[in-house]
């Protein structure tokens, strides 16, 4: 399934509900490490990454700077927050 590319500002209009985890512990660890690296890149180099995430039944992709990572959420510029459980892929390039 191809992701629908959207802007960071459009995320606030999406009906995002935290998903149940359907990934293995290894995939969760890899995702967390990639998100932490994305936050480091964003805070030190203003480097953007591409996050692919689910909202309802659709897959979306956004190119953005990750500012923070908590236990359950990712913080983006402008106060936008995404549940980590909804993020399927983190592209650091």
N, C-alpha and C. Protein backbone atom coordinates (compact mmCIF):
# COMPACT_ATOMS: atom_id res chain seq x y z
N UNK A 1 0.84 -1.17 0.00
CA UNK A 1 0.00 0.00 0.00
C UNK A 1 0.88 1.24 0.00
N UNK A 2 0.62 2.17 -0.90
CA UNK A 2 1.38 3.40 -0.97
C UNK A 2 0.86 4.40 0.05
N UNK A 3 1.79 5.15 0.64
CA UNK A 3 1.42 6.15 1.64
C UNK A 3 0.96 7.43 0.95
N UNK A 4 0.01 8.10 1.57
CA UNK A 4 -0.48 9.40 1.11
C UNK A 4 0.44 10.45 1.72
N UNK A 5 1.13 11.21 0.88
CA UNK A 5 2.04 12.23 1.38
C UNK A 5 1.24 13.46 1.81
N UNK A 6 1.53 13.91 3.03
CA UNK A 6 0.84 15.08 3.57
C UNK A 6 1.86 16.01 4.22
N UNK A 7 1.42 17.23 4.50
CA UNK A 7 2.27 18.17 5.22
C UNK A 7 2.10 17.96 6.71
N UNK A 8 3.05 18.44 7.47
CA UNK A 8 3.00 18.32 8.93
C UNK A 8 1.74 18.98 9.48
N UNK A 9 1.34 20.10 8.91
CA UNK A 9 0.17 20.82 9.39
C UNK A 9 -1.13 20.04 9.20
N UNK A 10 -1.17 19.17 8.22
CA UNK A 10 -2.37 18.37 7.95
C UNK A 10 -2.60 17.27 8.99
N UNK A 11 -1.57 16.91 9.73
CA UNK A 11 -1.69 15.85 10.73
C UNK A 11 -2.75 16.19 11.76
N UNK A 12 -2.82 17.46 12.15
CA UNK A 12 -3.78 17.87 13.18
C UNK A 12 -5.22 17.62 12.77
N UNK A 13 -5.50 17.52 11.48
CA UNK A 13 -6.87 17.30 11.01
C UNK A 13 -7.22 15.82 10.86
N UNK A 14 -6.25 14.94 11.04
CA UNK A 14 -6.50 13.51 10.87
C UNK A 14 -7.08 12.90 12.15
N UNK A 15 -7.97 11.94 11.99
CA UNK A 15 -8.52 11.24 13.17
C UNK A 15 -7.56 10.14 13.64
N UNK A 16 -6.56 10.54 14.42
CA UNK A 16 -5.54 9.59 14.86
C UNK A 16 -5.92 9.04 16.22
N UNK A 17 -6.11 7.75 16.26
CA UNK A 17 -6.36 7.04 17.52
C UNK A 17 -5.22 6.04 17.70
N UNK A 18 -4.71 5.97 18.92
CA UNK A 18 -3.59 5.06 19.18
C UNK A 18 -3.98 3.63 18.81
N UNK A 19 -3.12 3.01 18.02
CA UNK A 19 -3.36 1.64 17.58
C UNK A 19 -2.84 0.65 18.60
N UNK A 20 -3.37 -0.55 18.51
CA UNK A 20 -2.81 -1.64 19.30
C UNK A 20 -1.50 -2.05 18.65
N UNK A 21 -0.52 -2.38 19.46
CA UNK A 21 0.77 -2.81 18.93
C UNK A 21 0.62 -4.13 18.19
N UNK A 22 1.10 -4.16 16.97
CA UNK A 22 1.06 -5.39 16.17
C UNK A 22 2.44 -5.73 15.64
N UNK A 23 3.47 -5.20 16.29
CA UNK A 23 4.83 -5.45 15.84
C UNK A 23 5.57 -6.25 16.91
N UNK A 24 6.64 -6.88 16.49
CA UNK A 24 7.44 -7.70 17.40
C UNK A 24 8.26 -6.79 18.32
N UNK A 25 8.74 -7.33 19.43
CA UNK A 25 9.62 -6.53 20.30
C UNK A 25 10.86 -6.01 19.57
N UNK A 26 11.39 -6.79 18.64
CA UNK A 26 12.56 -6.35 17.87
C UNK A 26 12.21 -5.15 16.99
N UNK A 27 11.03 -5.19 16.36
CA UNK A 27 10.59 -4.07 15.54
C UNK A 27 10.32 -2.83 16.38
N UNK A 28 9.77 -3.02 17.58
CA UNK A 28 9.55 -1.90 18.49
C UNK A 28 10.87 -1.24 18.87
N UNK A 29 11.87 -2.05 19.18
CA UNK A 29 13.19 -1.53 19.55
C UNK A 29 13.81 -0.77 18.38
N UNK A 30 13.75 -1.35 17.19
CA UNK A 30 14.32 -0.69 16.00
C UNK A 30 13.63 0.65 15.75
N UNK A 31 12.29 0.67 15.87
CA UNK A 31 11.54 1.91 15.66
C UNK A 31 11.95 2.95 16.69
N UNK A 32 12.04 2.55 17.97
CA UNK A 32 12.42 3.49 19.03
C UNK A 32 13.81 4.05 18.80
N UNK A 33 14.77 3.20 18.43
CA UNK A 33 16.13 3.66 18.17
C UNK A 33 16.16 4.63 16.98
N UNK A 34 15.41 4.32 15.93
CA UNK A 34 15.35 5.21 14.77
C UNK A 34 14.70 6.55 15.14
N UNK A 35 13.68 6.53 15.98
CA UNK A 35 13.04 7.77 16.41
C UNK A 35 13.98 8.60 17.28
N UNK A 36 14.72 7.94 18.16
CA UNK A 36 15.68 8.67 18.98
C UNK A 36 16.79 9.29 18.12
N UNK A 37 17.23 8.56 17.12
CA UNK A 37 18.23 9.11 16.20
C UNK A 37 17.63 10.27 15.41
N UNK A 38 16.38 10.14 14.99
CA UNK A 38 15.70 11.22 14.26
C UNK A 38 15.61 12.47 15.13
N UNK A 39 15.31 12.31 16.42
CA UNK A 39 15.23 13.45 17.32
C UNK A 39 16.60 14.10 17.49
N UNK A 40 17.64 13.29 17.61
CA UNK A 40 19.00 13.84 17.71
C UNK A 40 19.36 14.61 16.46
N UNK A 41 19.07 14.03 15.29
CA UNK A 41 19.35 14.72 14.03
C UNK A 41 18.54 16.02 13.91
N UNK A 42 17.30 15.99 14.34
CA UNK A 42 16.46 17.17 14.26
C UNK A 42 16.93 18.28 15.17
N UNK A 43 17.34 17.93 16.38
CA UNK A 43 17.77 18.94 17.35
C UNK A 43 19.17 19.47 17.11
N UNK A 44 20.03 18.66 16.52
CA UNK A 44 21.41 19.11 16.31
C UNK A 44 21.67 19.65 14.91
N UNK A 45 20.95 19.11 13.91
CA UNK A 45 21.22 19.49 12.52
C UNK A 45 19.98 19.97 11.76
N UNK A 46 18.83 20.06 12.44
CA UNK A 46 17.56 20.43 11.78
C UNK A 46 17.27 19.51 10.60
N UNK A 47 17.69 18.25 10.73
CA UNK A 47 17.54 17.23 9.68
C UNK A 47 16.11 16.68 9.67
N UNK A 48 15.51 16.63 8.49
CA UNK A 48 14.16 16.08 8.36
C UNK A 48 14.22 14.59 8.06
N UNK A 49 13.20 13.89 8.53
CA UNK A 49 13.04 12.46 8.25
C UNK A 49 11.64 12.26 7.69
N UNK A 50 11.39 11.08 7.16
CA UNK A 50 10.05 10.74 6.70
C UNK A 50 9.46 9.72 7.65
N UNK A 51 8.29 10.06 8.21
CA UNK A 51 7.56 9.16 9.09
C UNK A 51 6.36 8.63 8.33
N UNK A 52 6.20 7.32 8.29
CA UNK A 52 5.01 6.69 7.72
C UNK A 52 4.17 6.20 8.88
N UNK A 53 2.90 6.61 8.91
CA UNK A 53 2.06 6.30 10.06
C UNK A 53 0.63 6.03 9.62
N UNK A 54 -0.12 5.36 10.49
CA UNK A 54 -1.52 5.02 10.24
C UNK A 54 -2.45 5.98 10.96
N UNK A 55 -3.48 6.38 10.25
CA UNK A 55 -4.60 7.14 10.82
C UNK A 55 -5.84 6.51 10.23
N UNK A 56 -6.68 5.95 11.08
CA UNK A 56 -7.82 5.14 10.65
C UNK A 56 -7.31 4.02 9.75
N UNK A 57 -7.83 3.90 8.55
CA UNK A 57 -7.44 2.79 7.68
C UNK A 57 -6.38 3.18 6.65
N UNK A 58 -5.89 4.41 6.68
CA UNK A 58 -4.96 4.89 5.66
C UNK A 58 -3.54 5.00 6.19
N UNK A 59 -2.59 4.87 5.27
CA UNK A 59 -1.18 5.04 5.58
C UNK A 59 -0.76 6.40 5.04
N UNK A 60 -0.14 7.21 5.89
CA UNK A 60 0.30 8.55 5.52
C UNK A 60 1.81 8.65 5.68
N UNK A 61 2.41 9.58 4.95
CA UNK A 61 3.84 9.86 5.09
C UNK A 61 4.02 11.37 5.19
N UNK A 62 4.89 11.76 6.11
CA UNK A 62 5.18 13.18 6.30
C UNK A 62 6.68 13.36 6.45
N UNK A 63 7.20 14.36 5.76
CA UNK A 63 8.62 14.71 5.92
C UNK A 63 8.68 15.84 6.93
N UNK A 64 9.38 15.60 8.04
CA UNK A 64 9.35 16.55 9.14
C UNK A 64 10.59 16.42 10.01
N UNK A 65 10.74 17.37 10.91
CA UNK A 65 11.80 17.33 11.91
C UNK A 65 11.20 16.79 13.20
N UNK A 66 11.82 15.76 13.76
CA UNK A 66 11.38 15.20 15.04
C UNK A 66 12.09 15.98 16.15
N UNK A 67 11.32 16.54 17.07
CA UNK A 67 11.89 17.34 18.16
C UNK A 67 12.01 16.55 19.46
N UNK A 68 11.08 15.62 19.70
CA UNK A 68 11.14 14.88 20.96
C UNK A 68 10.53 13.50 20.81
N UNK A 69 10.97 12.60 21.69
CA UNK A 69 10.44 11.24 21.75
C UNK A 69 10.19 10.91 23.21
N UNK A 70 8.95 10.54 23.55
CA UNK A 70 8.63 10.11 24.90
C UNK A 70 8.36 8.61 24.86
N UNK A 71 7.86 8.06 25.95
CA UNK A 71 7.54 6.63 25.97
C UNK A 71 6.46 6.27 24.97
N UNK A 72 5.51 7.19 24.73
CA UNK A 72 4.36 6.86 23.89
C UNK A 72 4.16 7.75 22.68
N UNK A 73 4.86 8.90 22.62
CA UNK A 73 4.59 9.86 21.55
C UNK A 73 5.86 10.45 20.96
N UNK A 74 5.69 11.00 19.74
CA UNK A 74 6.74 11.75 19.06
C UNK A 74 6.25 13.18 18.93
N UNK A 75 7.10 14.13 19.31
CA UNK A 75 6.76 15.53 19.19
C UNK A 75 7.39 16.14 17.95
N UNK A 76 6.58 16.82 17.16
CA UNK A 76 7.04 17.49 15.95
C UNK A 76 6.96 19.00 16.15
N UNK A 77 7.59 19.74 15.28
CA UNK A 77 7.54 21.19 15.34
C UNK A 77 6.09 21.66 15.28
N UNK A 78 5.78 22.72 16.01
CA UNK A 78 4.43 23.26 16.00
C UNK A 78 3.50 22.60 16.98
N UNK A 79 4.04 21.79 17.90
CA UNK A 79 3.22 21.15 18.92
C UNK A 79 2.43 19.96 18.43
N UNK A 80 2.76 19.43 17.29
CA UNK A 80 2.06 18.26 16.74
C UNK A 80 2.64 17.00 17.37
N UNK A 81 1.75 16.10 17.78
CA UNK A 81 2.15 14.87 18.47
C UNK A 81 1.57 13.67 17.75
N UNK A 82 2.39 12.64 17.58
CA UNK A 82 1.95 11.37 16.98
C UNK A 82 2.19 10.23 17.97
N UNK A 83 1.23 9.32 18.12
CA UNK A 83 1.48 8.14 18.94
C UNK A 83 2.53 7.25 18.26
N UNK A 84 3.51 6.81 19.01
CA UNK A 84 4.55 5.95 18.45
C UNK A 84 3.95 4.66 17.89
N UNK A 85 2.91 4.15 18.51
CA UNK A 85 2.29 2.90 18.05
C UNK A 85 1.73 3.03 16.63
N UNK A 86 1.43 4.23 16.17
CA UNK A 86 0.88 4.43 14.83
C UNK A 86 1.98 4.52 13.77
N UNK A 87 3.21 4.74 14.18
CA UNK A 87 4.31 4.92 13.22
C UNK A 87 4.78 3.55 12.74
N UNK A 88 4.74 3.37 11.44
CA UNK A 88 5.14 2.08 10.86
C UNK A 88 6.57 2.09 10.33
N UNK A 89 7.04 3.29 9.94
CA UNK A 89 8.38 3.35 9.33
C UNK A 89 9.01 4.71 9.61
N UNK A 90 10.33 4.69 9.84
CA UNK A 90 11.10 5.91 10.03
C UNK A 90 12.23 5.87 9.01
N UNK A 91 12.19 6.78 8.05
CA UNK A 91 13.24 6.88 7.04
C UNK A 91 14.14 8.06 7.41
N UNK A 92 15.38 7.77 7.77
CA UNK A 92 16.30 8.80 8.24
C UNK A 92 16.97 9.57 7.11
N UNK A 93 16.92 9.08 5.89
CA UNK A 93 17.58 9.74 4.77
C UNK A 93 16.82 10.95 4.28
